[in-house]
Amino acid sequence: MRERTVLITGASGEIGQALIKSLSDDELTTLVTVDLKPLPGELKGKSTHIIGDLLDKELLSLLEKEYSFNLIFHLAAVLSTTAEHNPLLAHKINTCSTIDLLEMATRQSQNQANPVKFLFPSSIAVYGLPDLETKNQFPALKECDWTEPTTMYGCSKLYCEKVGIYYSEYYQQLADLEPVRLDFRALRFPGIISAFTIPSGGTSDFGPEMIHFAAQGKPYDCFVRADVRIPFMVMPDAVQSLLMLADAPKDKLQTRIYNVTSFSFSAQDFKDLAQKHFPGSKINFIPDPKRQAIVDSWPADIDDSAARNDWNWKPEYDAQTASQEYLLKNISKLYKL
């Protein structure tokens, strides 16, 4: 096997850290990581880590000059709630940095005469159902259904999906000779639940926030109604799905954009779970009309049959094992309960 060089942006986040742990075990893989923050101590030495801003053209020039990448995991992004407070920043980071990296990956694909794989985490925020009646009529959306996002985060993710397809399928389509194009692949993630970090900046964070607060004995005011239901998956499955899609043979892929999910939970389900395992938890539902409207536009579930059929996707955790074996077990350890 030939050696490969892998770039991970947003590497200090939990998905980035998990990817580093997984990929650094391969002696044939050279890891280059980028983030505004340093990596935690236990990951030092496992990659060449660069602290920098992807909007810095000099940083991108350095990356392109010093390395020839075979695989890129572009994780850096401004999340949904934060993006609504600063849409221009979200546009710059979520969209402009993605296009800059796609340009770099395109040039390197041509220079290497071999497509660079570009893995992009998208989101259920690309969906936009107009009202609850319609949402109830479409319980599990396919990739092509209701892609009418109502947030800057969703707009930027959907746009980057389309641009990624363009660079993979149509870049320089009028040239006399067909160029070597990059290999763009995207996953539309549901809400991602982590047992090890308290989420911040995501509109789907009401569930994991509730459990983390309950474990610490803190009251929690949930910003959505009790009946709100959206799809979720736990962090290990999110990481595994990225690795599986990266390794999937190109001739098996029927599309470049895939839904992945594990289970759907309501806000009431999370409250019941919290109060059962952390008795005395004080959880109230005080919906924020604006954030509520965003979550109401997202599907209650998504259909990931394409991923299951094309590259054998199957989550390790369902609702029961995610709750008991991953979330509650590890949160209890985290807070020494």
C-alpha atoms as a PDB file:
ATOM      1  CA  MET A   1       0.000   0.000   0.000  1.00  0.00           C
ATOM      2  CA  ARG A   2       1.213   3.492  -0.772  1.00  0.00           C
ATOM      3  CA  GLU A   3       1.492   6.149   1.891  1.00  0.00           C
ATOM      4  CA  ARG A   4      -1.233   8.764   2.204  1.00  0.00           C
ATOM      5  CA  THR A   5      -1.457  12.241   3.683  1.00  0.00           C
ATOM      6  CA  VAL A   6      -4.670  13.258   5.448  1.00  0.00           C
ATOM      7  CA  LEU A   7      -5.833  16.768   6.388  1.00  0.00           C
ATOM      8  CA  ILE A   8      -8.340  17.326   9.206  1.00  0.00           C
ATOM      9  CA  THR A   9      -9.726  20.828   9.736  1.00  0.00           C
ATOM     10  CA  GLY A  10     -11.546  21.693  12.942  1.00  0.00           C
ATOM     11  CA  ALA A  11      -9.354  19.015  14.470  1.00  0.00           C
ATOM     12  CA  SER A  12      -9.676  20.128  18.088  1.00  0.00           C
ATOM     13  CA  GLY A  13     -13.383  19.323  18.108  1.00  0.00           C
ATOM     14  CA  GLU A  14     -14.572  15.946  19.341  1.00  0.00           C
ATOM     15  CA  ILE A  15     -15.034  14.420  15.878  1.00  0.00           C
ATOM     16  CA  GLY A  16     -11.611  15.695  14.862  1.00  0.00           C
ATOM     17  CA  GLN A  17      -9.984  14.252  17.969  1.00  0.00           C
ATOM     18  CA  ALA A  18     -11.633  10.877  17.392  1.00  0.00           C
ATOM     19  CA  LEU A  19     -10.452  10.834  13.791  1.00  0.00           C
ATOM     20  CA  ILE A  20      -6.905  11.588  14.915  1.00  0.00           C
ATOM     21  CA  LYS A  21      -6.997   8.691  17.383  1.00  0.00           C
ATOM     22  CA  SER A  22      -8.277   6.341  14.691  1.00  0.00           C
ATOM     23  CA  LEU A  23      -6.055   7.404  11.798  1.00  0.00           C
ATOM     24  CA  SER A  24      -2.819   7.926  13.716  1.00  0.00           C
ATOM     25  CA  ASP A  25      -2.530   4.179  14.332  1.00  0.00           C
ATOM     26  CA  ASP A  26      -1.808   3.663  10.636  1.00  0.00           C
ATOM     27  CA  GLU A  27       1.947   3.902  10.027  1.00  0.00           C
ATOM     28  CA  LEU A  28       1.328   4.663   6.346  1.00  0.00           C
ATOM     29  CA  THR A  29      -0.778   7.752   7.145  1.00  0.00           C
ATOM     30  CA  THR A  30       0.688  11.210   7.673  1.00  0.00           C
ATOM     31  CA  LEU A  31      -1.764  13.407   9.578  1.00  0.00           C
ATOM     32  CA  VAL A  32      -1.931  17.182   9.236  1.00  0.00           C
ATOM     33  CA  THR A  33      -4.434  18.956  11.481  1.00  0.00           C
ATOM     34  CA  VAL A  34      -5.652  22.553  11.591  1.00  0.00           C
ATOM     35  CA  ASP A  35      -7.660  24.420  14.220  1.00  0.00           C
ATOM     36  CA  LEU A  36      -7.819  27.756  15.975  1.00  0.00           C
ATOM     37  CA  LYS A  37      -7.028  25.867  19.177  1.00  0.00           C
ATOM     38  CA  PRO A  38      -4.206  23.502  20.156  1.00  0.00           C
ATOM     39  CA  LEU A  39      -4.856  19.785  20.418  1.00  0.00           C
ATOM     40  CA  PRO A  40      -5.248  18.294  23.909  1.00  0.00           C
ATOM     41  CA  GLY A  41      -2.084  16.948  25.461  1.00  0.00           C
ATOM     42  CA  GLU A  42      -2.800  13.280  24.838  1.00  0.00           C
ATOM     43  CA  LEU A  43      -2.899  13.916  21.072  1.00  0.00           C
ATOM     44  CA  LYS A  44       0.331  15.853  20.795  1.00  0.00           C
ATOM     45  CA  GLY A  45       2.754  14.131  18.456  1.00  0.00           C
ATOM     46  CA  LYS A  46       0.052  12.186  16.646  1.00  0.00           C
ATOM     47  CA  SER A  47      -0.194  14.793  13.879  1.00  0.00           C
ATOM     48  CA  THR A  48       1.484  17.865  12.506  1.00  0.00           C
ATOM     49  CA  HIS A  49      -0.837  20.404  14.107  1.00  0.00           C
ATOM     50  CA  ILE A  50      -1.138  23.935  12.764  1.00  0.00           C
ATOM     51  CA  ILE A  51      -2.903  26.592  14.826  1.00  0.00           C
ATOM     52  CA  GLY A  52      -4.465  28.943  12.335  1.00  0.00           C
ATOM     53  CA  ASP A  53      -7.512  30.381  10.612  1.00  0.00           C
ATOM     54  CA  LEU A  54      -8.733  28.764   7.386  1.00  0.00           C
ATOM     55  CA  LEU A  55      -9.664  32.234   6.140  1.00  0.00           C
ATOM     56  CA  ASP A  56      -5.949  33.065   6.157  1.00  0.00           C
ATOM     57  CA  LYS A  57      -4.776  32.735   2.554  1.00  0.00           C
ATOM     58  CA  GLU A  58      -1.167  32.320   3.675  1.00  0.00           C
ATOM     59  CA  LEU A  59      -2.130  29.291   5.737  1.00  0.00           C
ATOM     60  CA  LEU A  60      -3.843  27.667   2.758  1.00  0.00           C
ATOM     61  CA  SER A  61      -0.865  28.475   0.568  1.00  0.00           C
ATOM     62  CA  LEU A  62       1.436  26.820   3.112  1.00  0.00           C
ATOM     63  CA  LEU A  63      -0.728  23.699   3.246  1.00  0.00           C
ATOM     64  CA  GLU A  64      -0.791  23.391  -0.524  1.00  0.00           C
ATOM     65  CA  LYS A  65       2.922  24.015  -0.900  1.00  0.00           C
ATOM     66  CA  GLU A  66       4.099  21.671   1.851  1.00  0.00           C
ATOM     67  CA  TYR A  67       1.732  18.712   1.446  1.00  0.00           C
ATOM     68  CA  SER A  68       0.043  16.591  -1.193  1.00  0.00           C
ATOM     69  CA  PHE A  69      -3.203  15.427   0.350  1.00  0.00           C
ATOM     70  CA  ASN A  70      -5.025  12.217  -0.506  1.00  0.00           C
ATOM     71  CA  LEU A  71      -7.915  12.693   1.912  1.00  0.00           C
ATOM     72  CA  ILE A  72      -9.453  15.776   3.528  1.00  0.00           C
ATOM     73  CA  PHE A  73     -11.945  15.816   6.419  1.00  0.00           C
ATOM     74  CA  HIS A  74     -13.266  19.383   6.461  1.00  0.00           C
ATOM     75  CA  LEU A  75     -14.915  19.648   9.892  1.00  0.00           C
ATOM     76  CA  ALA A  76     -14.424  23.324  10.724  1.00  0.00           C
ATOM     77  CA  ALA A  77     -17.732  25.218  10.907  1.00  0.00           C
ATOM     78  CA  VAL A  78     -19.839  27.727  12.807  1.00  0.00           C
ATOM     79  CA  LEU A  79     -22.845  25.839  14.224  1.00  0.00           C
ATOM     80  CA  SER A  80     -26.514  26.657  13.752  1.00  0.00           C
ATOM     81  CA  THR A  81     -27.480  28.866  16.692  1.00  0.00           C
ATOM     82  CA  THR A  82     -24.176  30.745  16.611  1.00  0.00           C
ATOM     83  CA  ALA A  83     -24.577  31.208  12.857  1.00  0.00           C
ATOM     84  CA  GLU A  84     -27.945  32.920  13.339  1.00  0.00           C
ATOM     85  CA  HIS A  85     -26.334  35.472  15.623  1.00  0.00           C
ATOM     86  CA  ASN A  86     -23.496  36.124  13.170  1.00  0.00           C
ATOM     87  CA  PRO A  87     -24.553  35.023   9.670  1.00  0.00           C
ATOM     88  CA  LEU A  88     -21.718  36.843   7.900  1.00  0.00           C
ATOM     89  CA  LEU A  89     -19.080  35.049   9.966  1.00  0.00           C
ATOM     90  CA  ALA A  90     -20.893  31.762   9.339  1.00  0.00           C
ATOM     91  CA  HIS A  91     -20.903  32.456   5.611  1.00  0.00           C
ATOM     92  CA  LYS A  92     -17.184  33.163   5.600  1.00  0.00           C
ATOM     93  CA  ILE A  93     -16.181  30.124   7.621  1.00  0.00           C
ATOM     94  CA  ASN A  94     -18.772  27.622   6.454  1.00  0.00           C
ATOM     95  CA  THR A  95     -18.830  28.589   2.797  1.00  0.00           C
ATOM     96  CA  CYS A  96     -15.747  30.563   1.790  1.00  0.00           C
ATOM     97  CA  SER A  97     -13.257  28.320   3.570  1.00  0.00           C
ATOM     98  CA  THR A  98     -14.934  25.262   2.021  1.00  0.00           C
ATOM     99  CA  ILE A  99     -14.619  26.649  -1.497  1.00  0.00           C
ATOM    100  CA  ASP A 100     -10.985  27.576  -0.874  1.00  0.00           C
ATOM    101  CA  LEU A 101     -10.258  24.012   0.248  1.00  0.00           C
ATOM    102  CA  LEU A 102     -12.170  22.586  -2.715  1.00  0.00           C
ATOM    103  CA  GLU A 103     -10.013  24.709  -5.015  1.00  0.00           C
ATOM    104  CA  MET A 104      -6.865  23.428  -3.317  1.00  0.00           C
ATOM    105  CA  ALA A 105      -8.071  19.820  -3.495  1.00  0.00           C
ATOM    106  CA  THR A 106      -8.913  20.293  -7.176  1.00  0.00           C
ATOM    107  CA  ARG A 107      -5.444  21.566  -8.006  1.00  0.00           C
ATOM    108  CA  GLN A 108      -3.835  18.746  -6.058  1.00  0.00           C
ATOM    109  CA  SER A 109      -6.070  16.184  -7.784  1.00  0.00           C
ATOM    110  CA  GLN A 110      -4.806  17.429 -11.134  1.00  0.00           C
ATOM    111  CA  ASN A 111      -1.165  17.639 -10.042  1.00  0.00           C
ATOM    112  CA  GLN A 112      -1.273  14.114  -8.609  1.00  0.00           C
ATOM    113  CA  ALA A 113      -3.386  12.774 -11.483  1.00  0.00           C
ATOM    114  CA  ASN A 114      -5.499  11.144  -8.793  1.00  0.00           C
ATOM    115  CA  PRO A 115      -8.694  12.427  -7.131  1.00  0.00           C
ATOM    116  CA  VAL A 116      -8.375  13.812  -3.624  1.00  0.00           C
ATOM    117  CA  LYS A 117     -11.208  12.514  -1.417  1.00  0.00           C
ATOM    118  CA  PHE A 118     -13.021  15.383   0.288  1.00  0.00           C
ATOM    119  CA  LEU A 119     -15.263  14.368   3.224  1.00  0.00           C
ATOM    120  CA  PHE A 120     -17.782  17.005   4.273  1.00  0.00           C
ATOM    121  CA  PRO A 121     -20.130  16.860   7.296  1.00  0.00           C
ATOM    122  CA  SER A 122     -23.483  18.326   6.315  1.00  0.00           C
ATOM    123  CA  SER A 123     -26.614  18.459   8.449  1.00  0.00           C
ATOM    124  CA  ILE A 124     -30.364  17.969   8.726  1.00  0.00           C
ATOM    125  CA  ALA A 125     -30.401  21.779   8.823  1.00  0.00           C
ATOM    126  CA  VAL A 126     -30.484  21.614   4.997  1.00  0.00           C
ATOM    127  CA  TYR A 127     -34.123  20.550   5.314  1.00  0.00           C
ATOM    128  CA  GLY A 128     -36.910  23.069   5.710  1.00  0.00           C
ATOM    129  CA  LEU A 129     -40.459  21.837   6.231  1.00  0.00           C
ATOM    130  CA  PRO A 130     -43.000  24.682   6.036  1.00  0.00           C
ATOM    131  CA  ASP A 131     -45.275  23.681   8.942  1.00  0.00           C
ATOM    132  CA  LEU A 132     -46.037  20.933  11.444  1.00  0.00           C
ATOM    133  CA  GLU A 133     -48.801  19.480   9.287  1.00  0.00           C
ATOM    134  CA  THR A 134     -46.344  18.898   6.454  1.00  0.00           C
ATOM    135  CA  LYS A 135     -43.762  17.572   8.904  1.00  0.00           C
ATOM    136  CA  ASN A 136     -46.256  14.963  10.112  1.00  0.00           C
ATOM    137  CA  GLN A 137     -46.965  13.933   6.513  1.00  0.00           C
ATOM    138  CA  PHE A 138     -43.268  13.292   5.800  1.00  0.00           C
ATOM    139  CA  PRO A 139     -41.955  11.403   8.857  1.00  0.00           C
ATOM    140  CA  ALA A 140     -38.627  10.302   7.323  1.00  0.00           C
ATOM    141  CA  LEU A 141     -37.100  12.478   4.618  1.00  0.00           C
ATOM    142  CA  LYS A 142     -34.913  11.216   1.802  1.00  0.00           C
ATOM    143  CA  GLU A 143     -31.932  13.188   0.557  1.00  0.00           C
ATOM    144  CA  CYS A 144     -33.933  14.959  -2.157  1.00  0.00           C
ATOM    145  CA  ASP A 145     -36.943  15.950  -0.005  1.00  0.00           C
ATOM    146  CA  TRP A 146     -37.718  19.454   1.269  1.00  0.00           C
ATOM    147  CA  THR A 147     -34.242  20.966   0.959  1.00  0.00           C
ATOM    148  CA  GLU A 148     -35.455  24.476   1.769  1.00  0.00           C
ATOM    149  CA  PRO A 149     -33.328  25.552   4.756  1.00  0.00           C
ATOM    150  CA  THR A 150     -34.410  28.436   6.972  1.00  0.00           C
ATOM    151  CA  THR A 151     -31.059  29.112   8.694  1.00  0.00           C
ATOM    152  CA  MET A 152     -27.705  30.429   7.555  1.00  0.00           C
ATOM    153  CA  TYR A 153     -26.142  27.192   8.787  1.00  0.00           C
ATOM    154  CA  GLY A 154     -28.519  25.116   6.660  1.00  0.00           C
ATOM    155  CA  CYS A 155     -28.066  27.387   3.647  1.00  0.00           C
ATOM    156  CA  SER A 156     -24.293  27.179   3.866  1.00  0.00           C
ATOM    157  CA  LYS A 157     -24.322  23.386   4.205  1.00  0.00           C
ATOM    158  CA  LEU A 158     -26.683  22.922   1.260  1.00  0.00           C
ATOM    159  CA  TYR A 159     -24.670  25.335  -0.885  1.00  0.00           C
ATOM    160  CA  CYS A 160     -21.429  23.524  -0.075  1.00  0.00           C
ATOM    161  CA  GLU A 161     -23.048  20.203  -0.991  1.00  0.00           C
ATOM    162  CA  LYS A 162     -23.954  21.637  -4.401  1.00  0.00           C
ATOM    163  CA  VAL A 163     -20.530  23.186  -4.924  1.00  0.00           C
ATOM    164  CA  GLY A 164     -18.854  19.947  -3.883  1.00  0.00           C
ATOM    165  CA  ILE A 165     -20.886  18.096  -6.511  1.00  0.00           C
ATOM    166  CA  TYR A 166     -19.892  20.728  -9.064  1.00  0.00           C
ATOM    167  CA  TYR A 167     -16.172  20.320  -8.376  1.00  0.00           C
ATOM    168  CA  SER A 168     -16.543  16.523  -8.551  1.00  0.00           C
ATOM    169  CA  GLU A 169     -18.727  16.258 -11.631  1.00  0.00           C
ATOM    170  CA  TYR A 170     -18.612  19.443 -13.710  1.00  0.00           C
ATOM    171  CA  TYR A 171     -15.438  21.416 -12.998  1.00  0.00           C
ATOM    172  CA  GLN A 172     -13.876  22.603 -16.301  1.00  0.00           C
ATOM    173  CA  GLN A 173     -16.630  20.822 -18.208  1.00  0.00           C
ATOM    174  CA  LEU A 174     -15.945  22.974 -21.274  1.00  0.00           C
ATOM    175  CA  ALA A 175     -12.251  22.104 -21.426  1.00  0.00           C
ATOM    176  CA  ASP A 176     -10.958  20.131 -24.409  1.00  0.00           C
ATOM    177  CA  LEU A 177      -9.623  17.379 -22.138  1.00  0.00           C
ATOM    178  CA  GLU A 178     -11.557  16.153 -19.128  1.00  0.00           C
ATOM    179  CA  PRO A 179      -9.612  17.096 -15.997  1.00  0.00           C
ATOM    180  CA  VAL A 180      -8.918  14.933 -12.978  1.00  0.00           C
ATOM    181  CA  ARG A 181     -11.552  16.088 -10.508  1.00  0.00           C
ATOM    182  CA  LEU A 182     -11.714  15.648  -6.749  1.00  0.00           C
ATOM    183  CA  ASP A 183     -13.951  13.063  -5.070  1.00  0.00           C
ATOM    184  CA  PHE A 184     -16.443  14.930  -2.847  1.00  0.00           C
ATOM    185  CA  ARG A 185     -18.559  12.943  -0.346  1.00  0.00           C
ATOM    186  CA  ALA A 186     -20.935  14.372   2.254  1.00  0.00           C
ATOM    187  CA  LEU A 187     -22.909  13.065   5.204  1.00  0.00           C
ATOM    188  CA  ARG A 188     -26.054  14.748   6.456  1.00  0.00           C
ATOM    189  CA  PHE A 189     -25.745  14.290  10.188  1.00  0.00           C
ATOM    190  CA  PRO A 190     -28.656  14.397  12.621  1.00  0.00           C
ATOM    191  CA  GLY A 191     -28.179  15.825  16.102  1.00  0.00           C
ATOM    192  CA  ILE A 192     -24.923  14.388  17.462  1.00  0.00           C
ATOM    193  CA  ILE A 193     -24.822  13.386  21.123  1.00  0.00           C
ATOM    194  CA  SER A 194     -21.575  13.409  23.084  1.00  0.00           C
ATOM    195  CA  ALA A 195     -21.098  12.073  26.589  1.00  0.00           C
ATOM    196  CA  PHE A 196     -17.801  13.885  27.049  1.00  0.00           C
ATOM    197  CA  THR A 197     -18.422  17.505  26.098  1.00  0.00           C
ATOM    198  CA  ILE A 198     -21.282  19.879  26.827  1.00  0.00           C
ATOM    199  CA  PRO A 199     -22.518  21.071  23.432  1.00  0.00           C
ATOM    200  CA  SER A 200     -22.643  24.728  22.492  1.00  0.00           C
ATOM    201  CA  GLY A 201     -23.908  26.563  19.451  1.00  0.00           C
ATOM    202  CA  GLY A 202     -26.156  23.861  17.990  1.00  0.00           C
ATOM    203  CA  THR A 203     -29.944  24.025  17.789  1.00  0.00           C
ATOM    204  CA  SER A 204     -30.212  20.245  18.248  1.00  0.00           C
ATOM    205  CA  ASP A 205     -28.313  20.450  21.545  1.00  0.00           C
ATOM    206  CA  PHE A 206     -31.380  20.487  23.812  1.00  0.00           C
ATOM    207  CA  GLY A 207     -31.175  16.708  24.336  1.00  0.00           C
ATOM    208  CA  PRO A 208     -27.537  16.247  25.356  1.00  0.00           C
ATOM    209  CA  GLU A 209     -27.592  19.564  27.256  1.00  0.00           C
ATOM    210  CA  MET A 210     -30.491  18.265  29.338  1.00  0.00           C
ATOM    211  CA  ILE A 211     -28.625  15.106  30.354  1.00  0.00           C
ATOM    212  CA  HIS A 212     -25.380  16.936  31.140  1.00  0.00           C
ATOM    213  CA  PHE A 213     -27.207  19.490  33.301  1.00  0.00           C
ATOM    214  CA  ALA A 214     -29.139  16.785  35.137  1.00  0.00           C
ATOM    215  CA  ALA A 215     -25.966  14.832  35.873  1.00  0.00           C
ATOM    216  CA  GLN A 216     -24.455  17.941  37.458  1.00  0.00           C
ATOM    217  CA  GLY A 217     -27.574  18.671  39.504  1.00  0.00           C
ATOM    218  CA  LYS A 218     -28.256  21.866  37.568  1.00  0.00           C
ATOM    219  CA  PRO A 219     -31.763  22.962  36.521  1.00  0.00           C
ATOM    220  CA  TYR A 220     -32.393  23.110  32.802  1.00  0.00           C
ATOM    221  CA  ASP A 221     -34.872  25.193  30.843  1.00  0.00           C
ATOM    222  CA  CYS A 222     -35.433  23.430  27.531  1.00  0.00           C
ATOM    223  CA  PHE A 223     -35.839  25.857  24.643  1.00  0.00           C
ATOM    224  CA  VAL A 224     -38.217  23.612  22.641  1.00  0.00           C
ATOM    225  CA  ARG A 225     -41.576  21.958  23.335  1.00  0.00           C
ATOM    226  CA  ALA A 226     -41.728  18.552  24.988  1.00  0.00           C
ATOM    227  CA  ASP A 227     -43.191  16.945  21.858  1.00  0.00           C
ATOM    228  CA  VAL A 228     -40.390  18.024  19.513  1.00  0.00           C
ATOM    229  CA  ARG A 229     -38.765  14.982  17.905  1.00  0.00           C
ATOM    230  CA  ILE A 230     -35.696  14.950  15.657  1.00  0.00           C
ATOM    231  CA  PRO A 231     -33.127  12.288  14.652  1.00  0.00           C
ATOM    232  CA  PHE A 232     -29.941  11.730  16.646  1.00  0.00           C
ATOM    233  CA  MET A 233     -26.801   9.619  16.713  1.00  0.00           C
ATOM    234  CA  VAL A 234     -23.981   9.306  19.233  1.00  0.00           C
ATOM    235  CA  MET A 235     -20.477  10.584  18.587  1.00  0.00           C
ATOM    236  CA  PRO A 236     -18.807   7.187  17.983  1.00  0.00           C
ATOM    237  CA  ASP A 237     -21.305   6.401  15.217  1.00  0.00           C
ATOM    238  CA  ALA A 238     -20.778   9.817  13.636  1.00  0.00           C
ATOM    239  CA  VAL A 239     -17.031   9.217  13.478  1.00  0.00           C
ATOM    240  CA  GLN A 240     -17.481   5.668  12.183  1.00  0.00           C
ATOM    241  CA  SER A 241     -19.808   6.840   9.407  1.00  0.00           C
ATOM    242  CA  LEU A 242     -17.202   9.327   8.175  1.00  0.00           C
ATOM    243  CA  LEU A 243     -14.528   6.638   8.108  1.00  0.00           C
ATOM    244  CA  MET A 244     -16.836   4.173   6.353  1.00  0.00           C
ATOM    245  CA  LEU A 245     -17.818   6.656   3.652  1.00  0.00           C
ATOM    246  CA  ALA A 246     -14.171   7.630   3.146  1.00  0.00           C
ATOM    247  CA  ASP A 247     -13.283   3.964   2.588  1.00  0.00           C
ATOM    248  CA  ALA A 248     -16.267   3.093   0.394  1.00  0.00           C
ATOM    249  CA  PRO A 249     -15.363   2.148  -3.217  1.00  0.00           C
ATOM    250  CA  LYS A 250     -16.367   4.932  -5.562  1.00  0.00           C
ATOM    251  CA  ASP A 251     -18.152   2.557  -7.945  1.00  0.00           C
ATOM    252  CA  LYS A 252     -20.531   1.576  -5.113  1.00  0.00           C
ATOM    253  CA  LEU A 253     -21.721   5.136  -4.496  1.00  0.00           C
ATOM    254  CA  GLN A 254     -24.973   6.111  -6.184  1.00  0.00           C
ATOM    255  CA  THR A 255     -24.844   9.685  -4.877  1.00  0.00           C
ATOM    256  CA  ARG A 256     -22.413  12.066  -3.200  1.00  0.00           C
ATOM    257  CA  ILE A 257     -24.765  13.129  -0.404  1.00  0.00           C
ATOM    258  CA  TYR A 258     -25.938  10.601   2.197  1.00  0.00           C
ATOM    259  CA  ASN A 259     -28.250  10.741   5.180  1.00  0.00           C
ATOM    260  CA  VAL A 260     -27.063   8.859   8.263  1.00  0.00           C
ATOM    261  CA  THR A 261     -28.975   8.430  11.497  1.00  0.00           C
ATOM    262  CA  SER A 262     -29.558   6.091  14.406  1.00  0.00           C
ATOM    263  CA  PHE A 263     -32.746   6.908  16.314  1.00  0.00           C
ATOM    264  CA  SER A 264     -35.253   9.704  16.906  1.00  0.00           C
ATOM    265  CA  PHE A 265     -35.907  11.125  20.371  1.00  0.00           C
ATOM    266  CA  SER A 266     -38.311  13.773  21.603  1.00  0.00           C
ATOM    267  CA  ALA A 267     -37.430  16.395  24.187  1.00  0.00           C
ATOM    268  CA  GLN A 268     -39.794  14.553  26.548  1.00  0.00           C
ATOM    269  CA  ASP A 269     -37.827  11.320  25.949  1.00  0.00           C
ATOM    270  CA  PHE A 270     -34.669  13.085  27.101  1.00  0.00           C
ATOM    271  CA  LYS A 271     -36.455  14.478  30.170  1.00  0.00           C
ATOM    272  CA  ASP A 272     -37.761  11.035  31.101  1.00  0.00           C
ATOM    273  CA  LEU A 273     -34.275   9.573  30.700  1.00  0.00           C
ATOM    274  CA  ALA A 274     -32.711  12.316  32.806  1.00  0.00           C
ATOM    275  CA  GLN A 275     -35.231  12.093  35.637  1.00  0.00           C
ATOM    276  CA  LYS A 276     -35.098   8.308  35.767  1.00  0.00           C
ATOM    277  CA  HIS A 277     -31.344   8.162  36.178  1.00  0.00           C
ATOM    278  CA  PHE A 278     -30.764  11.460  37.992  1.00  0.00           C
ATOM    279  CA  PRO A 279     -33.685  11.685  40.434  1.00  0.00           C
ATOM    280  CA  GLY A 280     -34.700  15.174  41.396  1.00  0.00           C
ATOM    281  CA  SER A 281     -33.641  16.665  38.058  1.00  0.00           C
ATOM    282  CA  LYS A 282     -35.352  19.992  37.515  1.00  0.00           C
ATOM    283  CA  ILE A 283     -36.268  20.306  33.850  1.00  0.00           C
ATOM    284  CA  ASN A 284     -38.759  22.795  32.478  1.00  0.00           C
ATOM    285  CA  PHE A 285     -39.990  23.402  28.952  1.00  0.00           C
ATOM    286  CA  ILE A 286     -39.791  27.097  28.124  1.00  0.00           C
ATOM    287  CA  PRO A 287     -39.823  27.212  24.319  1.00  0.00           C
ATOM    288  CA  ASP A 288     -37.966  30.008  22.586  1.00  0.00           C
ATOM    289  CA  PRO A 289     -40.305  30.793  19.663  1.00  0.00           C
ATOM    290  CA  LYS A 290     -37.453  31.535  17.254  1.00  0.00           C
ATOM    291  CA  ARG A 291     -35.373  28.451  18.014  1.00  0.00           C
ATOM    292  CA  GLN A 292     -38.558  26.402  18.206  1.00  0.00           C
ATOM    293  CA  ALA A 293     -39.466  27.472  14.670  1.00  0.00           C
ATOM    294  CA  ILE A 294     -36.082  26.292  13.410  1.00  0.00           C
ATOM    295  CA  VAL A 295     -36.421  22.847  14.989  1.00  0.00           C
ATOM    296  CA  ASP A 296     -40.007  22.565  13.716  1.00  0.00           C
ATOM    297  CA  SER A 297     -38.657  22.958  10.175  1.00  0.00           C
ATOM    298  CA  TRP A 298     -36.410  19.910  10.607  1.00  0.00           C
ATOM    299  CA  PRO A 299     -37.675  16.359  10.025  1.00  0.00           C
ATOM    300  CA  ALA A 300     -38.674  14.019  12.830  1.00  0.00           C
ATOM    301  CA  ASP A 301     -36.553  11.373  11.132  1.00  0.00           C
ATOM    302  CA  ILE A 302     -34.442  10.878   8.010  1.00  0.00           C
ATOM    303  CA  ASP A 303     -34.219   7.943   5.633  1.00  0.00           C
ATOM    304  CA  ASP A 304     -30.650   6.608   5.460  1.00  0.00           C
ATOM    305  CA  SER A 305     -31.430   3.575   3.291  1.00  0.00           C
ATOM    306  CA  ALA A 306     -29.116   4.841   0.534  1.00  0.00           C
ATOM    307  CA  ALA A 307     -26.109   4.700   2.879  1.00  0.00           C
ATOM    308  CA  ARG A 308     -27.159   1.283   4.156  1.00  0.00           C
ATOM    309  CA  ASN A 309     -27.513  -0.056   0.621  1.00  0.00           C
ATOM    310  CA  ASP A 310     -24.447   1.551  -0.985  1.00  0.00           C
ATOM    311  CA  TRP A 311     -21.751   1.176   1.670  1.00  0.00           C
ATOM    312  CA  ASN A 312     -23.319  -1.012   4.368  1.00  0.00           C
ATOM    313  CA  TRP A 313     -23.867   1.760   6.885  1.00  0.00           C
ATOM    314  CA  LYS A 314     -25.361   0.578  10.167  1.00  0.00           C
ATOM    315  CA  PRO A 315     -25.072   2.400  13.499  1.00  0.00           C
ATOM    316  CA  GLU A 316     -23.594   0.502  16.403  1.00  0.00           C
ATOM    317  CA  TYR A 317     -25.920   2.239  18.863  1.00  0.00           C
ATOM    318  CA  ASP A 318     -29.725   2.280  18.843  1.00  0.00           C
ATOM    319  CA  ALA A 319     -31.866   4.304  21.273  1.00  0.00           C
ATOM    320  CA  GLN A 320     -31.452   1.792  24.101  1.00  0.00           C
ATOM    321  CA  THR A 321     -27.712   1.202  23.831  1.00  0.00           C
ATOM    322  CA  ALA A 322     -27.016   4.864  23.089  1.00  0.00           C
ATOM    323  CA  SER A 323     -28.799   5.835  26.300  1.00  0.00           C
ATOM    324  CA  GLN A 324     -27.502   3.124  28.606  1.00  0.00           C
ATOM    325  CA  GLU A 325     -24.134   1.954  27.292  1.00  0.00           C
ATOM    326  CA  TYR A 326     -22.829   5.220  25.893  1.00  0.00           C
ATOM    327  CA  LEU A 327     -24.515   8.339  27.245  1.00  0.00           C
ATOM    328  CA  LEU A 328     -25.473   7.587  30.861  1.00  0.00           C
ATOM    329  CA  LYS A 329     -22.509   5.313  31.564  1.00  0.00           C
ATOM    330  CA  ASN A 330     -19.921   7.808  30.337  1.00  0.00           C
ATOM    331  CA  ILE A 331     -21.617  10.919  31.723  1.00  0.00           C
ATOM    332  CA  SER A 332     -21.701   9.278  35.147  1.00  0.00           C
ATOM    333  CA  LYS A 333     -17.953   8.650  34.863  1.00  0.00           C
ATOM    334  CA  LEU A 334     -17.335  12.188  33.627  1.00  0.00           C
ATOM    335  CA  TYR A 335     -18.974  13.745  36.689  1.00  0.00           C
ATOM    336  CA  LYS A 336     -17.746  10.980  39.025  1.00  0.00           C
ATOM    337  CA  LEU A 337     -21.252   9.853  40.009  1.00  0.00           C
END
